[in-house]
């Protein structure tokens, strides 16, 4: 108990001393520099302007600007590097490996070239086609006797699948088609198989 009394008695003395020292700092004589804590005071602007003149930052700023420009130039050079894109031959090789036992090479080559044209060629700039239209465009040349509306109808399940489920939807459609020689498939089966392969090709280009 006694120790607490002695300890507590020290605090008023310490507090009083701190107040005196703070007051002494604040009440400096006029010859000493006084910091303008309130920037709205009448002489504050002149004080801060004079203070800024004491800092020699021009050389430092020029150096920072020079290094910053060099840094941004390096970033521009990095981003300017062309990332190799999958070409028609690359997509054809992928489709050939996966579907050669089910579809003639001529079909796979046509779908590969058309898919690449839609993604990277003139068609991309000229047309803002949705995915269903792109699928129809990939196979329309192979199925000239089919009305575009019918092809569009078959493409809808592939085109409007939720993101992340494209592979499952493609595999599901292909699973419904009989594993027969291509020439023995019905026209509907050939069309559905061609659209599924076109969706696979476009997905490969999207993931590239």
C-alpha atoms as a PDB file:
ATOM      1  CA  UNK A   1       0.000   0.000   0.000  1.00  0.00           C
ATOM      2  CA  UNK A   2       2.832   2.339   0.927  1.00  0.00           C
ATOM      3  CA  UNK A   3       4.598   1.714  -2.376  1.00  0.00           C
ATOM      4  CA  UNK A   4       1.460   2.667  -4.306  1.00  0.00           C
ATOM      5  CA  UNK A   5       1.246   5.953  -2.387  1.00  0.00           C
ATOM      6  CA  UNK A   6       4.834   6.845  -3.081  1.00  0.00           C
ATOM      7  CA  UNK A   7       4.441   5.900  -6.772  1.00  0.00           C
ATOM      8  CA  UNK A   8       1.285   7.921  -7.236  1.00  0.00           C
ATOM      9  CA  UNK A   9       2.940  10.888  -5.610  1.00  0.00           C
ATOM     10  CA  UNK A  10       5.554  11.015  -8.327  1.00  0.00           C
ATOM     11  CA  UNK A  11       3.073  11.515 -11.160  1.00  0.00           C
ATOM     12  CA  UNK A  12       1.849  15.033 -10.238  1.00  0.00           C
ATOM     13  CA  UNK A  13       5.443  16.224 -10.061  1.00  0.00           C
ATOM     14  CA  UNK A  14       6.327  14.620 -13.406  1.00  0.00           C
ATOM     15  CA  UNK A  15       3.151  15.952 -15.049  1.00  0.00           C
ATOM     16  CA  UNK A  16       3.845  19.451 -13.764  1.00  0.00           C
ATOM     17  CA  UNK A  17       7.392  19.359 -15.091  1.00  0.00           C
ATOM     18  CA  UNK A  18       6.212  18.208 -18.514  1.00  0.00           C
ATOM     19  CA  UNK A  19       3.695  21.044 -18.670  1.00  0.00           C
ATOM     20  CA  UNK A  20       6.389  23.557 -17.822  1.00  0.00           C
ATOM     21  CA  UNK A  21       8.733  22.237 -20.502  1.00  0.00           C
ATOM     22  CA  UNK A  22       5.977  22.273 -23.131  1.00  0.00           C
ATOM     23  CA  UNK A  23       4.987  25.803 -22.194  1.00  0.00           C
ATOM     24  CA  UNK A  24       8.600  26.879 -22.432  1.00  0.00           C
ATOM     25  CA  UNK A  25       8.868  25.479 -25.961  1.00  0.00           C
ATOM     26  CA  UNK A  26       5.670  27.177 -27.056  1.00  0.00           C
ATOM     27  CA  UNK A  27       6.615  30.531 -25.572  1.00  0.00           C
ATOM     28  CA  UNK A  28       9.935  30.908 -27.316  1.00  0.00           C
ATOM     29  CA  UNK A  29      11.311  34.395 -27.780  1.00  0.00           C
ATOM     30  CA  UNK A  30      10.699  36.136 -31.062  1.00  0.00           C
ATOM     31  CA  UNK A  31      14.241  35.576 -32.265  1.00  0.00           C
ATOM     32  CA  UNK A  32      13.710  31.825 -32.394  1.00  0.00           C
ATOM     33  CA  UNK A  33      11.829  30.098 -35.178  1.00  0.00           C
ATOM     34  CA  UNK A  34       8.199  29.343 -34.400  1.00  0.00           C
ATOM     35  CA  UNK A  35       6.363  26.582 -36.276  1.00  0.00           C
ATOM     36  CA  UNK A  36       2.926  27.603 -37.484  1.00  0.00           C
ATOM     37  CA  UNK A  37       0.729  24.829 -36.231  1.00  0.00           C
ATOM     38  CA  UNK A  38      -2.322  26.589 -37.614  1.00  0.00           C
ATOM     39  CA  UNK A  39      -1.873  26.978 -41.405  1.00  0.00           C
ATOM     40  CA  UNK A  40      -4.631  29.603 -41.535  1.00  0.00           C
ATOM     41  CA  UNK A  41      -2.611  32.142 -39.552  1.00  0.00           C
ATOM     42  CA  UNK A  42      -1.708  35.335 -41.348  1.00  0.00           C
ATOM     43  CA  UNK A  43       2.035  34.668 -41.702  1.00  0.00           C
ATOM     44  CA  UNK A  44       1.771  30.915 -42.226  1.00  0.00           C
ATOM     45  CA  UNK A  45       1.934  31.054 -46.047  1.00  0.00           C
ATOM     46  CA  UNK A  46       5.118  33.078 -46.021  1.00  0.00           C
ATOM     47  CA  UNK A  47       6.659  30.789 -43.441  1.00  0.00           C
ATOM     48  CA  UNK A  48       5.967  27.606 -45.386  1.00  0.00           C
ATOM     49  CA  UNK A  49       7.063  29.186 -48.675  1.00  0.00           C
ATOM     50  CA  UNK A  50      10.372  30.185 -47.098  1.00  0.00           C
ATOM     51  CA  UNK A  51      10.735  26.720 -45.603  1.00  0.00           C
ATOM     52  CA  UNK A  52      10.287  25.053 -48.984  1.00  0.00           C
ATOM     53  CA  UNK A  53      13.058  27.190 -50.466  1.00  0.00           C
ATOM     54  CA  UNK A  54      15.522  25.645 -48.036  1.00  0.00           C
ATOM     55  CA  UNK A  55      15.084  22.233 -49.647  1.00  0.00           C
ATOM     56  CA  UNK A  56      17.149  21.632 -52.791  1.00  0.00           C
ATOM     57  CA  UNK A  57      14.954  19.051 -54.530  1.00  0.00           C
ATOM     58  CA  UNK A  58      15.332  20.052 -58.173  1.00  0.00           C
ATOM     59  CA  UNK A  59      18.217  17.687 -58.890  1.00  0.00           C
ATOM     60  CA  UNK A  60      16.535  14.881 -56.987  1.00  0.00           C
ATOM     61  CA  UNK A  61      13.251  15.357 -58.858  1.00  0.00           C
ATOM     62  CA  UNK A  62      15.041  15.283 -62.218  1.00  0.00           C
ATOM     63  CA  UNK A  63      16.785  12.063 -61.259  1.00  0.00           C
ATOM     64  CA  UNK A  64      13.515  10.465 -60.139  1.00  0.00           C
ATOM     65  CA  UNK A  65      11.767  11.503 -63.354  1.00  0.00           C
ATOM     66  CA  UNK A  66      14.634  10.100 -65.444  1.00  0.00           C
ATOM     67  CA  UNK A  67      14.619   6.752 -63.628  1.00  0.00           C
ATOM     68  CA  UNK A  68      10.831   6.582 -63.716  1.00  0.00           C
ATOM     69  CA  UNK A  69      10.822   7.142 -67.485  1.00  0.00           C
ATOM     70  CA  UNK A  70      13.412   4.405 -67.902  1.00  0.00           C
ATOM     71  CA  UNK A  71      11.262   2.073 -65.817  1.00  0.00           C
ATOM     72  CA  UNK A  72       8.135   2.760 -67.868  1.00  0.00           C
ATOM     73  CA  UNK A  73      10.084   2.283 -71.102  1.00  0.00           C
ATOM     74  CA  UNK A  74      11.127  -1.160 -69.899  1.00  0.00           C
ATOM     75  CA  UNK A  75       7.499  -1.999 -69.092  1.00  0.00           C
ATOM     76  CA  UNK A  76       6.425  -0.886 -72.573  1.00  0.00           C
ATOM     77  CA  UNK A  77       9.113  -3.086 -74.093  1.00  0.00           C
ATOM     78  CA  UNK A  78       7.941  -6.079 -72.086  1.00  0.00           C
ATOM     79  CA  UNK A  79       4.289  -5.612 -73.030  1.00  0.00           C
ATOM     80  CA  UNK A  80       5.216  -5.045 -76.672  1.00  0.00           C
ATOM     81  CA  UNK A  81       6.610  -8.551 -76.971  1.00  0.00           C
ATOM     82  CA  UNK A  82       4.292 -10.556 -79.217  1.00  0.00           C
ATOM     83  CA  UNK A  83       2.896 -13.614 -77.497  1.00  0.00           C
ATOM     84  CA  UNK A  84       2.777 -16.466 -80.001  1.00  0.00           C
ATOM     85  CA  UNK A  85      -0.794 -17.293 -80.949  1.00  0.00           C
ATOM     86  CA  UNK A  86      -2.101 -20.685 -81.871  1.00  0.00           C
ATOM     87  CA  UNK A  87      -2.460 -20.843 -85.617  1.00  0.00           C
ATOM     88  CA  UNK A  88      -4.760 -22.892 -87.819  1.00  0.00           C
ATOM     89  CA  UNK A  89      -2.158 -25.628 -88.165  1.00  0.00           C
ATOM     90  CA  UNK A  90      -1.776 -25.835 -84.388  1.00  0.00           C
ATOM     91  CA  UNK A  91      -5.526 -26.141 -83.870  1.00  0.00           C
ATOM     92  CA  UNK A  92      -5.755 -28.665 -86.693  1.00  0.00           C
ATOM     93  CA  UNK A  93      -3.075 -30.799 -84.991  1.00  0.00           C
ATOM     94  CA  UNK A  94      -5.019 -30.662 -81.712  1.00  0.00           C
ATOM     95  CA  UNK A  95      -8.303 -31.613 -83.400  1.00  0.00           C
ATOM     96  CA  UNK A  96      -6.584 -34.309 -85.434  1.00  0.00           C
ATOM     97  CA  UNK A  97      -5.228 -35.911 -82.303  1.00  0.00           C
ATOM     98  CA  UNK A  98      -8.598 -35.891 -80.553  1.00  0.00           C
ATOM     99  CA  UNK A  99     -11.126 -36.460 -83.355  1.00  0.00           C
ATOM    100  CA  UNK A 100      -9.321 -38.039 -86.325  1.00  0.00           C
ATOM    101  CA  UNK A 101     -10.962 -41.395 -85.655  1.00  0.00           C
ATOM    102  CA  UNK A 102     -14.436 -39.842 -85.933  1.00  0.00           C
ATOM    103  CA  UNK A 103     -14.284 -37.021 -88.496  1.00  0.00           C
ATOM    104  CA  UNK A 104     -12.528 -36.662 -91.890  1.00  0.00           C
ATOM    105  CA  UNK A 105      -9.385 -34.534 -91.893  1.00  0.00           C
ATOM    106  CA  UNK A 106     -10.978 -32.163 -94.386  1.00  0.00           C
ATOM    107  CA  UNK A 107     -13.643 -31.280 -91.817  1.00  0.00           C
ATOM    108  CA  UNK A 108     -11.086 -30.734 -89.086  1.00  0.00           C
ATOM    109  CA  UNK A 109      -8.965 -28.530 -91.341  1.00  0.00           C
ATOM    110  CA  UNK A 110     -11.944 -26.393 -92.369  1.00  0.00           C
ATOM    111  CA  UNK A 111     -13.102 -25.968 -88.771  1.00  0.00           C
ATOM    112  CA  UNK A 112      -9.545 -25.089 -87.661  1.00  0.00           C
ATOM    113  CA  UNK A 113      -9.081 -22.395 -90.286  1.00  0.00           C
ATOM    114  CA  UNK A 114     -12.502 -20.891 -89.733  1.00  0.00           C
ATOM    115  CA  UNK A 115     -12.105 -20.799 -85.951  1.00  0.00           C
ATOM    116  CA  UNK A 116      -8.769 -18.975 -86.286  1.00  0.00           C
ATOM    117  CA  UNK A 117     -10.255 -16.511 -88.756  1.00  0.00           C
ATOM    118  CA  UNK A 118     -13.033 -15.708 -86.296  1.00  0.00           C
ATOM    119  CA  UNK A 119     -10.593 -15.191 -83.413  1.00  0.00           C
ATOM    120  CA  UNK A 120      -7.717 -13.412 -85.118  1.00  0.00           C
ATOM    121  CA  UNK A 121      -8.644 -12.565 -88.698  1.00  0.00           C
ATOM    122  CA  UNK A 122     -10.627  -9.923 -90.537  1.00  0.00           C
ATOM    123  CA  UNK A 123     -13.938 -11.477 -89.506  1.00  0.00           C
ATOM    124  CA  UNK A 124     -13.234 -10.594 -85.888  1.00  0.00           C
ATOM    125  CA  UNK A 125     -12.888  -6.894 -86.702  1.00  0.00           C
ATOM    126  CA  UNK A 126     -15.849  -6.765 -89.067  1.00  0.00           C
ATOM    127  CA  UNK A 127     -18.362  -8.760 -87.045  1.00  0.00           C
ATOM    128  CA  UNK A 128     -19.340  -8.905 -83.402  1.00  0.00           C
ATOM    129  CA  UNK A 129     -20.834 -12.395 -83.562  1.00  0.00           C
ATOM    130  CA  UNK A 130     -22.004 -14.226 -80.496  1.00  0.00           C
ATOM    131  CA  UNK A 131     -20.709 -17.719 -79.796  1.00  0.00           C
ATOM    132  CA  UNK A 132     -23.668 -19.481 -81.419  1.00  0.00           C
ATOM    133  CA  UNK A 133     -23.089 -17.523 -84.631  1.00  0.00           C
ATOM    134  CA  UNK A 134     -19.393 -18.406 -84.539  1.00  0.00           C
ATOM    135  CA  UNK A 135     -20.180 -22.100 -84.222  1.00  0.00           C
ATOM    136  CA  UNK A 136     -22.536 -21.958 -87.183  1.00  0.00           C
ATOM    137  CA  UNK A 137     -19.929 -20.071 -89.191  1.00  0.00           C
ATOM    138  CA  UNK A 138     -17.340 -22.794 -88.494  1.00  0.00           C
ATOM    139  CA  UNK A 139     -19.459 -25.589 -90.000  1.00  0.00           C
ATOM    140  CA  UNK A 140     -21.722 -23.832 -92.491  1.00  0.00           C
ATOM    141  CA  UNK A 141     -19.322 -24.397 -95.370  1.00  0.00           C
ATOM    142  CA  UNK A 142     -19.330 -28.136 -94.582  1.00  0.00           C
ATOM    143  CA  UNK A 143     -23.119 -28.313 -94.405  1.00  0.00           C
ATOM    144  CA  UNK A 144     -24.296 -26.123 -97.295  1.00  0.00           C
ATOM    145  CA  UNK A 145     -27.722 -27.758 -97.487  1.00  0.00           C
ATOM    146  CA  UNK A 146     -28.562 -27.008 -93.883  1.00  0.00           C
ATOM    147  CA  UNK A 147     -30.645 -23.904 -93.077  1.00  0.00           C
ATOM    148  CA  UNK A 148     -28.737 -21.533 -90.835  1.00  0.00           C
ATOM    149  CA  UNK A 149     -31.613 -21.509 -88.350  1.00  0.00           C
ATOM    150  CA  UNK A 150     -31.396 -25.273 -87.849  1.00  0.00           C
ATOM    151  CA  UNK A 151     -27.661 -25.130 -87.265  1.00  0.00           C
ATOM    152  CA  UNK A 152     -28.178 -22.307 -84.811  1.00  0.00           C
ATOM    153  CA  UNK A 153     -30.700 -24.431 -82.906  1.00  0.00           C
ATOM    154  CA  UNK A 154     -28.194 -27.261 -82.529  1.00  0.00           C
ATOM    155  CA  UNK A 155     -25.455 -24.833 -81.477  1.00  0.00           C
ATOM    156  CA  UNK A 156     -27.383 -23.324 -78.569  1.00  0.00           C
ATOM    157  CA  UNK A 157     -26.565 -25.950 -75.910  1.00  0.00           C
ATOM    158  CA  UNK A 158     -22.886 -25.532 -76.735  1.00  0.00           C
ATOM    159  CA  UNK A 159     -22.971 -21.748 -76.925  1.00  0.00           C
ATOM    160  CA  UNK A 160     -24.885 -21.027 -73.740  1.00  0.00           C
ATOM    161  CA  UNK A 161     -23.169 -23.463 -71.406  1.00  0.00           C
ATOM    162  CA  UNK A 162     -21.925 -21.898 -68.178  1.00  0.00           C
ATOM    163  CA  UNK A 163     -18.262 -20.913 -68.116  1.00  0.00           C
ATOM    164  CA  UNK A 164     -16.112 -23.724 -66.809  1.00  0.00           C
ATOM    165  CA  UNK A 165     -18.445 -26.448 -68.099  1.00  0.00           C
ATOM    166  CA  UNK A 166     -17.579 -26.217 -71.805  1.00  0.00           C
ATOM    167  CA  UNK A 167     -15.657 -29.485 -71.858  1.00  0.00           C
ATOM    168  CA  UNK A 168     -18.451 -31.370 -70.105  1.00  0.00           C
ATOM    169  CA  UNK A 169     -21.061 -30.005 -72.515  1.00  0.00           C
ATOM    170  CA  UNK A 170     -18.925 -30.862 -75.555  1.00  0.00           C
ATOM    171  CA  UNK A 171     -18.261 -34.392 -74.298  1.00  0.00           C
ATOM    172  CA  UNK A 172     -21.946 -34.816 -73.474  1.00  0.00           C
ATOM    173  CA  UNK A 173     -23.031 -33.907 -76.995  1.00  0.00           C
ATOM    174  CA  UNK A 174     -20.370 -36.120 -78.597  1.00  0.00           C
ATOM    175  CA  UNK A 175     -21.462 -39.020 -76.360  1.00  0.00           C
ATOM    176  CA  UNK A 176     -24.951 -38.897 -77.897  1.00  0.00           C
ATOM    177  CA  UNK A 177     -23.538 -39.518 -81.387  1.00  0.00           C
ATOM    178  CA  UNK A 178     -23.026 -43.124 -82.485  1.00  0.00           C
ATOM    179  CA  UNK A 179     -19.434 -44.254 -82.904  1.00  0.00           C
ATOM    180  CA  UNK A 180     -19.778 -45.238 -86.534  1.00  0.00           C
ATOM    181  CA  UNK A 181     -17.764 -44.313 -89.621  1.00  0.00           C
ATOM    182  CA  UNK A 182     -18.533 -40.691 -90.408  1.00  0.00           C
ATOM    183  CA  UNK A 183     -20.244 -41.521 -93.688  1.00  0.00           C
ATOM    184  CA  UNK A 184     -22.653 -43.832 -91.844  1.00  0.00           C
ATOM    185  CA  UNK A 185     -23.859 -41.112 -89.481  1.00  0.00           C
ATOM    186  CA  UNK A 186     -27.103 -39.300 -90.153  1.00  0.00           C
ATOM    187  CA  UNK A 187     -27.034 -35.680 -91.312  1.00  0.00           C
ATOM    188  CA  UNK A 188     -28.152 -34.575 -87.857  1.00  0.00           C
ATOM    189  CA  UNK A 189     -25.348 -36.527 -86.190  1.00  0.00           C
ATOM    190  CA  UNK A 190     -22.765 -35.098 -88.574  1.00  0.00           C
ATOM    191  CA  UNK A 191     -23.992 -31.568 -87.895  1.00  0.00           C
ATOM    192  CA  UNK A 192     -23.975 -32.035 -84.116  1.00  0.00           C
ATOM    193  CA  UNK A 193     -20.500 -33.586 -84.215  1.00  0.00           C
ATOM    194  CA  UNK A 194     -19.161 -30.778 -86.364  1.00  0.00           C
ATOM    195  CA  UNK A 195     -20.590 -28.126 -84.022  1.00  0.00           C
ATOM    196  CA  UNK A 196     -19.144 -29.878 -80.965  1.00  0.00           C
ATOM    197  CA  UNK A 197     -15.700 -29.960 -82.580  1.00  0.00           C
ATOM    198  CA  UNK A 198     -16.018 -26.293 -83.546  1.00  0.00           C
ATOM    199  CA  UNK A 199     -16.805 -25.476 -79.914  1.00  0.00           C
ATOM    200  CA  UNK A 200     -13.736 -27.405 -78.831  1.00  0.00           C
ATOM    201  CA  UNK A 201     -11.551 -25.484 -81.292  1.00  0.00           C
ATOM    202  CA  UNK A 202     -12.867 -22.094 -80.135  1.00  0.00           C
ATOM    203  CA  UNK A 203     -12.355 -23.112 -76.509  1.00  0.00           C
ATOM    204  CA  UNK A 204      -8.727 -23.987 -77.255  1.00  0.00           C
ATOM    205  CA  UNK A 205      -8.211 -20.553 -78.777  1.00  0.00           C
ATOM    206  CA  UNK A 206      -9.862 -18.863 -75.800  1.00  0.00           C
ATOM    207  CA  UNK A 207      -7.618 -20.715 -73.337  1.00  0.00           C
ATOM    208  CA  UNK A 208      -4.447 -20.038 -75.323  1.00  0.00           C
END
